[in-house]
C-alpha atoms as a PDB file:
ATOM      1  CA  MET A   1      -9.702 -23.332  -8.702  1.00  0.00           C
ATOM      2  CA  ASP A   2     -10.956 -20.040  -7.536  1.00  0.00           C
ATOM      3  CA  LYS A   3      -9.772 -17.305  -9.789  1.00  0.00           C
ATOM      4  CA  TYR A   4      -8.207 -15.840  -6.066  1.00  0.00           C
ATOM      5  CA  ALA A   5      -5.191 -18.005  -4.950  1.00  0.00           C
ATOM      6  CA  PHE A   6      -5.066 -15.694  -2.078  1.00  0.00           C
ATOM      7  CA  GLN A   7      -8.009 -14.834   0.530  1.00  0.00           C
ATOM      8  CA  GLY A   8      -8.483 -13.419   3.867  1.00  0.00           C
ATOM      9  CA  ARG A   9      -9.774 -10.513   5.651  1.00  0.00           C
ATOM     10  CA  GLU A  10      -8.815  -7.039   6.064  1.00  0.00           C
ATOM     11  CA  SER A  11      -9.436  -6.254   9.319  1.00  0.00           C
ATOM     12  CA  HIS A  12      -9.069  -2.155   9.410  1.00  0.00           C
ATOM     13  CA  GLY A  13      -8.171  -0.204   5.765  1.00  0.00           C
ATOM     14  CA  PHE A  14      -7.623   3.350   5.190  1.00  0.00           C
ATOM     15  CA  LEU A  15      -7.946   5.181   1.824  1.00  0.00           C
ATOM     16  CA  LEU A  16      -6.929   8.635   0.991  1.00  0.00           C
ATOM     17  CA  LYS A  17      -6.188  10.585  -1.809  1.00  0.00           C
ATOM     18  CA  GLY A  18      -4.727  13.470  -2.908  1.00  0.00           C
ATOM     19  CA  THR A  19      -3.204  15.670  -6.083  1.00  0.00           C
ATOM     20  CA  ILE A  20       0.150  15.639  -8.089  1.00  0.00           C
ATOM     21  CA  SER A  21       1.417  17.405 -10.414  1.00  0.00           C
ATOM     22  CA  HIS A  22       0.622  15.695 -14.029  1.00  0.00           C
ATOM     23  CA  GLU A  23       4.523  16.259 -14.290  1.00  0.00           C
ATOM     24  CA  LYS A  24       5.628  14.286 -11.427  1.00  0.00           C
ATOM     25  CA  ALA A  25       2.841  11.379 -12.135  1.00  0.00           C
ATOM     26  CA  LEU A  26       4.809  11.085 -15.909  1.00  0.00           C
ATOM     27  CA  ALA A  27       7.813  10.231 -13.683  1.00  0.00           C
ATOM     28  CA  LEU A  28       6.375   8.130 -11.449  1.00  0.00           C
ATOM     29  CA  ALA A  29       4.297   5.818 -13.671  1.00  0.00           C
ATOM     30  CA  GLY A  30       6.972   6.095 -16.458  1.00  0.00           C
ATOM     31  CA  GLY A  31       4.424   7.142 -19.371  1.00  0.00           C
ATOM     32  CA  GLU A  32       1.410   8.589 -20.116  1.00  0.00           C
ATOM     33  CA  PHE A  33      -1.751   6.856 -18.805  1.00  0.00           C
ATOM     34  CA  ASN A  34      -5.869   7.479 -18.320  1.00  0.00           C
ATOM     35  CA  PHE A  35      -5.086   9.518 -14.810  1.00  0.00           C
ATOM     36  CA  ALA A  36      -7.860  10.915 -13.352  1.00  0.00           C
ATOM     37  CA  THR A  37      -7.793  14.290 -13.506  1.00  0.00           C
ATOM     38  CA  SER A  38      -8.078  17.168 -10.423  1.00  0.00           C
ATOM     39  CA  ASP A  39      -9.853  20.334 -10.434  1.00  0.00           C
ATOM     40  CA  SER A  40      -6.810  21.763 -10.796  1.00  0.00           C
ATOM     41  CA  PRO A  41      -4.885  22.634 -14.161  1.00  0.00           C
ATOM     42  CA  ASP A  42      -2.304  19.986 -15.154  1.00  0.00           C
ATOM     43  CA  HIS A  43      -2.753  17.961 -11.889  1.00  0.00           C
ATOM     44  CA  VAL A  44      -3.947  14.126 -11.497  1.00  0.00           C
ATOM     45  CA  ARG A  45      -4.949  12.473  -8.923  1.00  0.00           C
ATOM     46  CA  CYS A  46      -2.620   9.788  -6.295  1.00  0.00           C
ATOM     47  CA  ALA A  47      -3.733   7.587  -2.980  1.00  0.00           C
ATOM     48  CA  LEU A  48      -2.757   5.947  -0.131  1.00  0.00           C
ATOM     49  CA  LEU A  49      -4.083   2.390   0.872  1.00  0.00           C
ATOM     50  CA  VAL A  50      -3.342   0.817   4.359  1.00  0.00           C
ATOM     51  CA  VAL A  51      -4.809  -2.021   5.413  1.00  0.00           C
ATOM     52  CA  ARG A  52      -4.130  -4.847   7.719  1.00  0.00           C
ATOM     53  CA  ILE A  53      -4.761  -8.503   6.254  1.00  0.00           C
ATOM     54  CA  GLU A  54      -5.664 -11.224   8.531  1.00  0.00           C
ATOM     55  CA  GLN A  55      -5.571 -15.034   8.148  1.00  0.00           C
ATOM     56  CA  LEU A  56      -4.644 -14.823   4.700  1.00  0.00           C
ATOM     57  CA  SER A  57      -4.536 -18.240   2.832  1.00  0.00           C
ATOM     58  CA  THR A  58      -2.398 -18.935  -0.276  1.00  0.00           C
ATOM     59  CA  TRP A  59      -4.057 -21.580  -2.799  1.00  0.00           C
ATOM     60  CA  GLY A  60      -6.952 -22.909  -0.191  1.00  0.00           C
ATOM     61  CA  ILE A  61      -3.818 -24.094   1.830  1.00  0.00           C
ATOM     62  CA  PRO A  62      -5.149 -24.306   5.824  1.00  0.00           C
ATOM     63  CA  ILE A  63      -1.214 -24.340   7.462  1.00  0.00           C
ATOM     64  CA  LEU A  64      -0.875 -21.415   5.009  1.00  0.00           C
ATOM     65  CA  ARG A  65      -2.035 -18.335   6.625  1.00  0.00           C
ATOM     66  CA  TRP A  66      -0.516 -15.133   7.081  1.00  0.00           C
ATOM     67  CA  THR A  67      -1.224 -11.776   9.021  1.00  0.00           C
ATOM     68  CA  TYR A  68       0.028  -8.317   8.090  1.00  0.00           C
ATOM     69  CA  PRO A  69       0.309  -4.864   7.012  1.00  0.00           C
ATOM     70  CA  GLU A  70       0.742  -3.113   4.085  1.00  0.00           C
ATOM     71  CA  ALA A  71       0.357   0.366   2.566  1.00  0.00           C
ATOM     72  CA  VAL A  72       0.644   1.260  -1.330  1.00  0.00           C
ATOM     73  CA  TRP A  73       0.999   4.311  -3.210  1.00  0.00           C
ATOM     74  CA  MET A  74      -0.949   4.817  -6.083  1.00  0.00           C
ATOM     75  CA  LEU A  75      -1.824   6.919  -8.890  1.00  0.00           C
ATOM     76  CA  GLU A  76      -5.405   6.843  -9.552  1.00  0.00           C
ATOM     77  CA  LEU A  77      -6.775   5.750 -13.344  1.00  0.00           C
ATOM     78  CA  CYS A  78     -10.053   6.500 -15.198  1.00  0.00           C
ATOM     79  CA  ASP A  79     -12.771   4.265 -13.915  1.00  0.00           C
ATOM     80  CA  ASN A  80     -11.907   3.567 -10.168  1.00  0.00           C
ATOM     81  CA  SER A  81      -8.674   1.787 -11.003  1.00  0.00           C
ATOM     82  CA  PHE A  82      -5.131   2.454  -9.945  1.00  0.00           C
ATOM     83  CA  LEU A  83      -1.722   2.223 -10.648  1.00  0.00           C
ATOM     84  CA  ALA A  84       0.724   1.138  -7.463  1.00  0.00           C
ATOM     85  CA  ILE A  85       4.118   2.835  -7.461  1.00  0.00           C
ATOM     86  CA  LYS A  86       5.364   1.683  -3.998  1.00  0.00           C
ATOM     87  CA  ALA A  87       4.525  -0.087  -1.647  1.00  0.00           C
ATOM     88  CA  HIS A  88       5.836  -0.671   2.260  1.00  0.00           C
ATOM     89  CA  THR A  89       5.298  -3.876   4.311  1.00  0.00           C
ATOM     90  CA  PRO A  90       7.584  -5.206   7.309  1.00  0.00           C
ATOM     91  CA  ALA A  91      10.244  -7.495   6.808  1.00  0.00           C
ATOM     92  CA  TYR A  92       8.881 -10.941   6.666  1.00  0.00           C
ATOM     93  CA  MET A  93       6.353 -10.056   3.765  1.00  0.00           C
ATOM     94  CA  LEU A  94       8.910  -7.925   1.595  1.00  0.00           C
ATOM     95  CA  GLY A  95       9.856 -10.990  -0.892  1.00  0.00           C
ATOM     96  CA  ALA A  96       6.083 -12.238  -1.206  1.00  0.00           C
ATOM     97  CA  LEU A  97       4.860  -8.839  -2.021  1.00  0.00           C
ATOM     98  CA  ILE A  98       7.682  -8.583  -4.672  1.00  0.00           C
ATOM     99  CA  LEU A  99       7.507 -11.960  -6.209  1.00  0.00           C
ATOM    100  CA  MET A 100       3.730 -12.316  -6.226  1.00  0.00           C
ATOM    101  CA  ASP A 101       2.261  -8.940  -6.476  1.00  0.00           C
ATOM    102  CA  LYS A 102       4.798  -7.173  -7.871  1.00  0.00           C
ATOM    103  CA  TYR A 103       5.162  -4.457  -5.792  1.00  0.00           C
ATOM    104  CA  ASN A 104       8.212  -2.119  -5.852  1.00  0.00           C
ATOM    105  CA  THR A 105       8.439  -2.787  -2.445  1.00  0.00           C
ATOM    106  CA  ASP A 106      10.563  -1.702   0.696  1.00  0.00           C
ATOM    107  CA  LEU A 107      10.632  -1.684   4.382  1.00  0.00           C
ATOM    108  CA  GLY A 108       7.749  -0.228   6.503  1.00  0.00           C
ATOM    109  CA  SER A 109       6.057  -0.450   9.369  1.00  0.00           C
ATOM    110  CA  MET A 110       1.598   0.310   9.754  1.00  0.00           C
ATOM    111  CA  GLU A 111      -0.828   0.775  12.314  1.00  0.00           C
ATOM    112  CA  LEU A 112      -4.335   1.960  12.059  1.00  0.00           C
ATOM    113  CA  SER A 113      -7.050   1.912  14.732  1.00  0.00           C
ATOM    114  CA  LYS A 114     -10.441   3.495  15.282  1.00  0.00           C
ATOM    115  CA  THR A 115     -12.218   3.754  17.958  1.00  0.00           C
ATOM    116  CA  GLY A 116     -15.558   5.883  17.779  1.00  0.00           C
ATOM    117  CA  ASP A 117     -15.450   8.577  15.045  1.00  0.00           C
ATOM    118  CA  SER A 118     -12.045   8.974  15.914  1.00  0.00           C
ATOM    119  CA  ALA A 119      -9.294   6.895  13.908  1.00  0.00           C
ATOM    120  CA  THR A 120      -4.966   7.196  13.829  1.00  0.00           C
ATOM    121  CA  ILE A 121      -2.897   6.056  11.021  1.00  0.00           C
ATOM    122  CA  LEU A 122       0.760   5.301  11.086  1.00  0.00           C
ATOM    123  CA  VAL A 123       3.201   4.105   8.151  1.00  0.00           C
ATOM    124  CA  SER A 124       6.596   4.716   8.986  1.00  0.00           C
ATOM    125  CA  THR A 125      10.231   3.608   7.709  1.00  0.00           C
ATOM    126  CA  LYS A 126      13.489   4.610   9.530  1.00  0.00           C
ATOM    127  CA  THR A 127      14.076   7.817   7.685  1.00  0.00           C
ATOM    128  CA  SER A 128      10.528   8.919   7.897  1.00  0.00           C
ATOM    129  CA  LYS A 129       6.738   8.488   8.289  1.00  0.00           C
ATOM    130  CA  PHE A 130       3.631   9.141   7.374  1.00  0.00           C
ATOM    131  CA  SER A 131       0.503   9.718  10.452  1.00  0.00           C
ATOM    132  CA  ALA A 132      -2.800  11.063   9.710  1.00  0.00           C
ATOM    133  CA  ARG A 133      -5.624  11.480  12.604  1.00  0.00           C
ATOM    134  CA  LEU A 134      -9.607  11.224  11.525  1.00  0.00           C
ATOM    135  CA  GLU A 135     -11.907  12.801  12.959  1.00  0.00           C
ATOM    136  CA  GLY A 136     -16.022  13.351  12.749  1.00  0.00           C
ATOM    137  CA  SER A 137     -18.126  11.529   9.925  1.00  0.00           C
ATOM    138  CA  THR A 138     -19.079  13.117   6.479  1.00  0.00           C
ATOM    139  CA  GLN A 139     -21.022  12.395   3.901  1.00  0.00           C
ATOM    140  CA  GLY A 140     -19.526  11.618   0.223  1.00  0.00           C
ATOM    141  CA  ASP A 141     -17.516   9.108  -1.989  1.00  0.00           C
ATOM    142  CA  THR A 142     -17.006   5.531  -0.134  1.00  0.00           C
ATOM    143  CA  GLU A 143     -15.563   3.458  -3.299  1.00  0.00           C
ATOM    144  CA  LEU A 144     -12.459   1.736  -2.456  1.00  0.00           C
ATOM    145  CA  ILE A 145     -10.668  -0.270  -5.527  1.00  0.00           C
ATOM    146  CA  SER A 146     -12.298  -2.055  -8.608  1.00  0.00           C
ATOM    147  CA  ASN A 147      -8.804  -2.472 -10.493  1.00  0.00           C
ATOM    148  CA  LEU A 148      -5.679  -2.506 -10.113  1.00  0.00           C
ATOM    149  CA  TRP A 149      -2.098  -2.066 -11.810  1.00  0.00           C
ATOM    150  CA  THR A 150       1.207  -2.046 -10.217  1.00  0.00           C
ATOM    151  CA  ARG A 151       5.009  -0.758 -11.878  1.00  0.00           C
ATOM    152  CA  ASN A 152       7.760  -2.762 -10.432  1.00  0.00           C
ATOM    153  CA  ARG A 153      10.908  -1.715  -9.526  1.00  0.00           C
ATOM    154  CA  ASN A 154      12.626  -2.362 -13.097  1.00  0.00           C
ATOM    155  CA  GLY A 155       9.917  -0.715 -14.425  1.00  0.00           C
ATOM    156  CA  ARG A 156       7.794  -3.231 -15.788  1.00  0.00           C
ATOM    157  CA  TYR A 157       3.789  -3.305 -15.634  1.00  0.00           C
ATOM    158  CA  TYR A 158       1.854  -6.153 -14.159  1.00  0.00           C
ATOM    159  CA  ARG A 159      -2.025  -6.428 -13.347  1.00  0.00           C
ATOM    160  CA  ILE A 160      -3.223  -7.703  -9.867  1.00  0.00           C
ATOM    161  CA  PRO A 161      -6.468  -9.272  -9.852  1.00  0.00           C
ATOM    162  CA  TRP A 162      -8.209  -7.929  -7.215  1.00  0.00           C
ATOM    163  CA  GLY A 163     -11.825  -8.746  -5.595  1.00  0.00           C
ATOM    164  CA  ASN A 164     -13.789  -5.341  -4.586  1.00  0.00           C
ATOM    165  CA  SER A 165     -15.749  -6.830  -2.288  1.00  0.00           C
ATOM    166  CA  LYS A 166     -17.551  -4.396   0.030  1.00  0.00           C
ATOM    167  CA  PRO A 167     -16.370  -3.753   4.127  1.00  0.00           C
ATOM    168  CA  THR A 168     -19.180  -4.339   6.609  1.00  0.00           C
ATOM    169  CA  SER A 169     -18.497  -0.464   7.571  1.00  0.00           C
ATOM    170  CA  VAL A 170     -17.250   2.022   5.935  1.00  0.00           C
ATOM    171  CA  TYR A 171     -16.901   5.510   6.719  1.00  0.00           C
ATOM    172  CA  ARG A 172     -15.488   9.034   5.394  1.00  0.00           C
ATOM    173  CA  LEU A 173     -13.840  11.368   8.123  1.00  0.00           C
ATOM    174  CA  ASN A 174     -12.155  14.704   8.131  1.00  0.00           C
ATOM    175  CA  CYS A 175      -8.191  14.078   8.093  1.00  0.00           C
ATOM    176  CA  ASN A 176      -5.561  15.929   9.689  1.00  0.00           C
ATOM    177  CA  ILE A 177      -2.142  15.134   8.371  1.00  0.00           C
ATOM    178  CA  GLU A 178       0.241  15.352  11.029  1.00  0.00           C
ATOM    179  CA  ASP A 179       3.347  14.305   9.403  1.00  0.00           C
ATOM    180  CA  SER A 180       3.357  13.654   5.242  1.00  0.00           C
ATOM    181  CA  THR A 181       7.610  13.126   5.223  1.00  0.00           C
ATOM    182  CA  LEU A 182       7.247   9.751   3.687  1.00  0.00           C
ATOM    183  CA  GLY A 183       4.204  10.840   1.010  1.00  0.00           C
ATOM    184  CA  ASP A 184       7.151  13.898  -0.347  1.00  0.00           C
ATOM    185  CA  GLU A 185       9.341  10.845  -0.116  1.00  0.00           C
ATOM    186  CA  VAL A 186       6.903   9.019  -2.670  1.00  0.00           C
ATOM    187  CA  PHE A 187       4.836  11.666  -4.223  1.00  0.00           C
ATOM    188  CA  GLY A 188       7.135  15.066  -4.110  1.00  0.00           C
ATOM    189  CA  LYS A 189       6.821  17.721  -2.093  1.00  0.00           C
ATOM    190  CA  ASP A 190       3.883  19.309  -3.939  1.00  0.00           C
ATOM    191  CA  ILE A 191       1.728  16.589  -2.515  1.00  0.00           C
ATOM    192  CA  VAL A 192      -2.005  18.122  -1.481  1.00  0.00           C
ATOM    193  CA  TRP A 193      -3.919  15.762   0.648  1.00  0.00           C
ATOM    194  CA  ASP A 194      -7.375  15.497   0.709  1.00  0.00           C
ATOM    195  CA  ASP A 195      -9.137  16.923   3.840  1.00  0.00           C
ATOM    196  CA  GLU A 196     -11.279  13.370   4.218  1.00  0.00           C
ATOM    197  CA  ALA A 197     -10.414   9.558   3.771  1.00  0.00           C
ATOM    198  CA  ILE A 198     -11.613   6.727   3.920  1.00  0.00           C
ATOM    199  CA  TYR A 199     -11.733   4.198   6.925  1.00  0.00           C
ATOM    200  CA  PHE A 200     -12.800   0.685   6.783  1.00  0.00           C
ATOM    201  CA  ILE A 201     -13.474  -2.607   8.858  1.00  0.00           C
ATOM    202  CA  GLU A 202     -13.791  -5.976   7.372  1.00  0.00           C
ATOM    203  CA  ARG A 203     -13.415  -6.295   4.196  1.00  0.00           C
ATOM    204  CA  MET A 204     -13.210  -9.801   2.137  1.00  0.00           C
ATOM    205  CA  HIS A 205      -9.497  -9.809   0.675  1.00  0.00           C
ATOM    206  CA  GLN A 206      -9.055 -11.676  -2.587  1.00  0.00           C
ATOM    207  CA  CYS A 207      -5.928 -11.494  -5.025  1.00  0.00           C
ATOM    208  CA  ALA A 208      -3.679 -13.393  -6.960  1.00  0.00           C
ATOM    209  CA  PRO A 209      -0.436 -13.203  -8.744  1.00  0.00           C
ATOM    210  CA  ALA A 210       0.433 -10.254 -10.759  1.00  0.00           C
ATOM    211  CA  TYR A 211       0.665 -11.369 -14.390  1.00  0.00           C
ATOM    212  CA  SER A 212       2.296  -8.712 -16.951  1.00  0.00           C
ATOM    213  CA  GLU A 213      -0.426  -6.041 -18.390  1.00  0.00           C
ATOM    214  CA  SER A 214      -0.181  -2.483 -18.944  1.00  0.00           C
ATOM    215  CA  PRO A 215      -2.746  -0.137 -17.529  1.00  0.00           C
ATOM    216  CA  GLU A 216      -4.703   1.333 -21.195  1.00  0.00           C
ATOM    217  CA  THR A 217      -3.077   4.664 -22.331  1.00  0.00           C
END
Protein backbone atom coordinates (compact mmCIF):
# COMPACT_ATOMS: atom_id res chain seq x y z
CA MET A 1 0.00 0.00 0.00
CA ASP A 2 1.24 3.50 -0.84
CA LYS A 3 2.57 5.42 2.17
CA TYR A 4 0.33 8.37 1.27
CA ALA A 5 -3.31 7.52 1.99
CA PHE A 6 -4.52 10.85 0.59
CA GLN A 7 -3.52 11.85 -2.93
CA GLY A 8 -4.78 14.60 -5.21
CA ARG A 9 -3.62 17.80 -6.87
CA GLU A 10 -2.99 21.29 -5.59
CA SER A 11 -4.31 23.34 -8.52
CA HIS A 12 -3.16 26.63 -6.96
CA GLY A 13 -1.00 27.39 -3.94
CA PHE A 14 0.51 30.33 -2.08
CA LEU A 15 3.32 30.44 0.49
CA LEU A 16 4.23 33.64 2.31
CA LYS A 17 6.80 33.84 5.09
CA GLY A 18 7.19 36.39 7.85
CA THR A 19 8.89 37.17 11.14
CA ILE A 20 7.58 37.13 14.70
CA SER A 21 9.23 37.43 18.09
CA HIS A 22 10.84 34.37 19.62
CA GLU A 23 8.66 34.92 22.69
CA LYS A 24 5.48 34.75 20.58
CA ALA A 25 6.71 31.63 18.80
CA LEU A 26 7.32 29.91 22.15
CA ALA A 27 3.75 30.66 23.19
CA LEU A 28 2.29 29.39 19.91
CA ALA A 29 4.46 26.27 19.78
CA GLY A 30 4.14 25.44 23.46
CA GLY A 31 7.89 25.11 23.87
CA GLU A 32 11.34 25.56 22.36
CA PHE A 33 12.07 23.95 19.00
CA ASN A 34 14.65 24.39 16.24
CA PHE A 35 13.01 27.52 14.87
CA ALA A 36 14.36 29.07 11.69
CA THR A 37 15.95 32.30 12.83
CA SER A 38 15.45 35.77 11.40
CA ASP A 39 17.96 38.51 10.66
CA SER A 40 16.29 40.44 13.49
CA PRO A 41 17.60 39.56 16.97
CA ASP A 42 15.26 37.39 19.08
CA HIS A 43 12.91 36.82 16.14
CA VAL A 44 12.03 33.65 14.20
CA ARG A 45 10.29 32.77 10.97
CA CYS A 46 6.65 31.92 10.35
CA ALA A 47 4.57 31.22 7.24
CA LEU A 48 1.10 31.01 5.71
CA LEU A 49 0.26 28.28 3.19
CA VAL A 50 -2.97 28.50 1.18
CA VAL A 51 -3.85 25.72 -1.27
CA ARG A 52 -6.79 24.54 -3.31
CA ILE A 53 -6.79 20.74 -3.27
CA GLU A 54 -8.76 18.96 -5.99
CA GLN A 55 -9.82 15.36 -6.55
CA LEU A 56 -8.27 14.12 -3.32
CA SER A 57 -8.68 10.35 -3.16
CA THR A 58 -8.87 8.50 0.15
CA TRP A 59 -7.00 5.19 0.40
CA GLY A 60 -7.36 4.85 -3.38
CA ILE A 61 -11.16 4.52 -3.24
CA PRO A 62 -12.42 6.10 -6.52
CA ILE A 63 -15.83 7.19 -5.19
CA LEU A 64 -14.26 9.17 -2.34
CA ARG A 65 -12.82 12.31 -3.90
CA TRP A 66 -12.72 15.72 -2.27
CA THR A 67 -12.12 19.23 -3.54
CA TYR A 68 -11.52 21.94 -0.94
CA PRO A 69 -9.23 24.83 0.09
CA GLU A 70 -7.21 25.09 3.27
CA ALA A 71 -5.05 27.73 4.92
CA VAL A 72 -2.30 26.57 7.28
CA TRP A 73 -0.49 28.97 9.62
CA MET A 74 2.95 27.67 10.58
CA LEU A 75 6.17 28.31 12.44
CA GLU A 76 9.22 27.58 10.31
CA LEU A 77 11.73 25.10 11.69
CA CYS A 78 15.21 24.31 10.42
CA ASP A 79 15.78 22.23 7.27
CA ASN A 80 12.70 23.52 5.46
CA SER A 81 10.35 21.96 8.02
CA PHE A 82 7.29 23.55 9.61
CA LEU A 83 5.04 23.29 12.68
CA ALA A 84 1.39 24.10 11.97
CA ILE A 85 -0.28 25.97 14.81
CA LYS A 86 -3.58 26.95 13.14
CA ALA A 87 -5.66 26.08 10.07
CA HIS A 88 -8.82 27.27 8.34
CA THR A 89 -11.11 25.36 5.99
CA PRO A 90 -14.82 25.32 5.00
CA ALA A 91 -17.38 23.57 7.22
CA TYR A 92 -17.60 20.40 5.13
CA MET A 93 -13.90 19.65 5.71
CA LEU A 94 -13.57 20.87 9.30
CA GLY A 95 -13.96 17.46 10.93
CA ALA A 96 -11.57 15.75 8.51
CA LEU A 97 -8.75 18.23 9.13
CA ILE A 98 -9.22 17.98 12.89
CA LEU A 99 -9.41 14.17 12.90
CA MET A 100 -6.94 13.17 10.19
CA ASP A 101 -4.44 16.03 10.05
CA LYS A 102 -4.74 17.00 13.73
CA TYR A 103 -4.75 20.67 12.79
CA ASN A 104 -6.06 23.25 15.24
CA THR A 105 -8.78 24.07 12.72
CA ASP A 106 -11.45 26.77 12.53
CA LEU A 107 -13.99 27.69 9.86
CA GLY A 108 -12.85 29.90 7.03
CA SER A 109 -13.10 30.50 3.30
CA MET A 110 -10.25 30.87 0.80
CA GLU A 111 -9.86 32.29 -2.68
CA LEU A 112 -6.72 32.31 -4.78
CA SER A 113 -6.17 32.95 -8.48
CA LYS A 114 -3.42 33.98 -10.88
CA THR A 115 -3.56 35.78 -14.22
CA GLY A 116 -0.29 36.58 -15.95
CA ASP A 117 2.14 38.08 -13.44
CA SER A 118 -0.66 39.01 -11.00
CA ALA A 119 -2.35 36.93 -8.32
CA THR A 120 -4.82 37.51 -5.48
CA ILE A 121 -5.19 35.71 -2.15
CA LEU A 122 -8.05 35.88 0.36
CA VAL A 123 -8.53 33.95 3.60
CA SER A 124 -11.55 35.08 5.61
CA THR A 125 -13.54 34.22 8.71
CA LYS A 126 -16.70 35.86 10.04
CA THR A 127 -14.68 38.51 11.88
CA SER A 128 -11.38 39.03 10.04
CA LYS A 129 -9.42 38.31 6.89
CA PHE A 130 -6.06 38.11 5.22
CA SER A 131 -5.84 39.46 1.69
CA ALA A 132 -2.90 40.12 -0.60
CA ARG A 133 -2.16 41.06 -4.19
CA LEU A 134 0.90 39.65 -5.93
CA GLU A 135 2.51 41.31 -8.93
CA GLY A 136 5.73 41.19 -10.93
CA SER A 137 8.02 38.16 -11.07
CA THR A 138 11.24 38.21 -9.02
CA GLN A 139 14.16 35.84 -8.55
CA GLY A 140 14.80 33.91 -5.35
CA ASP A 141 13.94 30.89 -3.23
CA THR A 142 10.95 28.84 -4.40
CA GLU A 143 11.29 25.90 -2.00
CA LEU A 144 8.07 24.70 -0.41
CA ILE A 145 7.54 22.30 2.51
CA SER A 146 9.73 19.23 3.11
CA ASN A 147 8.43 18.11 6.53
CA LEU A 148 5.31 19.06 8.47
CA TRP A 149 4.34 18.72 12.12
CA THR A 150 1.23 20.08 13.79
CA ARG A 151 0.08 21.07 17.26
CA ASN A 152 -3.61 20.38 17.83
CA ARG A 153 -6.00 22.42 19.92
CA ASN A 154 -5.18 20.29 22.97
CA GLY A 155 -1.47 21.07 22.67
CA ARG A 156 -0.41 17.62 21.45
CA TYR A 157 2.16 17.22 18.67
CA TYR A 158 1.81 15.13 15.52
CA ARG A 159 3.69 14.56 12.30
CA ILE A 160 1.89 14.57 8.96
CA PRO A 161 3.56 12.35 6.33
CA TRP A 162 4.05 14.89 3.54
CA GLY A 163 5.04 14.44 -0.09
CA ASN A 164 7.32 17.19 -1.37
CA SER A 165 6.63 16.90 -5.09
CA LYS A 166 7.65 19.85 -7.25
CA PRO A 167 4.91 21.98 -8.84
CA THR A 168 4.50 22.19 -12.61
CA SER A 169 4.92 25.97 -12.37
CA VAL A 170 6.28 28.05 -9.51
CA TYR A 171 6.71 31.83 -9.28
CA ARG A 172 8.19 34.32 -6.86
CA LEU A 173 6.14 37.52 -6.85
CA ASN A 174 6.11 40.87 -5.06
CA CYS A 175 3.48 40.71 -2.32
CA ASN A 176 1.33 43.63 -1.20
CA ILE A 177 -0.66 42.87 1.97
CA GLU A 178 -4.05 44.59 1.79
CA ASP A 179 -5.57 43.27 5.04
CA SER A 180 -3.79 41.27 7.75
CA THR A 181 -6.33 41.29 10.56
CA LEU A 182 -6.52 37.49 10.47
CA GLY A 183 -2.73 37.25 10.39
CA ASP A 184 -2.63 39.53 13.43
CA GLU A 185 -5.08 37.23 15.24
CA VAL A 186 -2.94 34.16 14.60
CA PHE A 187 0.61 35.50 14.91
CA GLY A 188 0.10 38.72 16.86
CA LYS A 189 0.12 42.34 15.75
CA ASP A 190 3.92 42.44 15.58
CA ILE A 191 4.01 40.04 12.60
CA VAL A 192 6.15 41.41 9.76
CA TRP A 193 5.38 39.77 6.42
CA ASP A 194 7.99 39.39 3.69
CA ASP A 195 7.80 41.57 0.60
CA GLU A 196 7.80 38.54 -1.72
CA ALA A 197 5.75 35.34 -1.82
CA ILE A 198 5.69 32.05 -3.72
CA TYR A 199 2.76 31.14 -5.96
CA PHE A 200 2.60 27.69 -7.53
CA ILE A 201 0.34 25.77 -9.90
CA GLU A 202 -0.35 22.05 -10.28
CA ARG A 203 1.50 20.24 -7.52
CA MET A 204 0.79 16.63 -6.58
CA HIS A 205 -0.71 16.55 -3.07
CA GLN A 206 0.33 13.56 -0.99
CA CYS A 207 -0.19 13.10 2.73
CA ALA A 208 -1.39 10.58 5.30
CA PRO A 209 -3.10 10.62 8.70
CA ALA A 210 -1.02 12.37 11.33
CA TYR A 211 0.69 10.27 13.99
CA SER A 212 2.00 11.24 17.41
CA GLU A 213 5.48 12.76 17.18
CA SER A 214 7.08 15.97 18.40
CA PRO A 215 9.52 18.04 16.34
CA GLU A 216 13.13 17.96 17.50
CA THR A 217 13.99 20.47 20.20
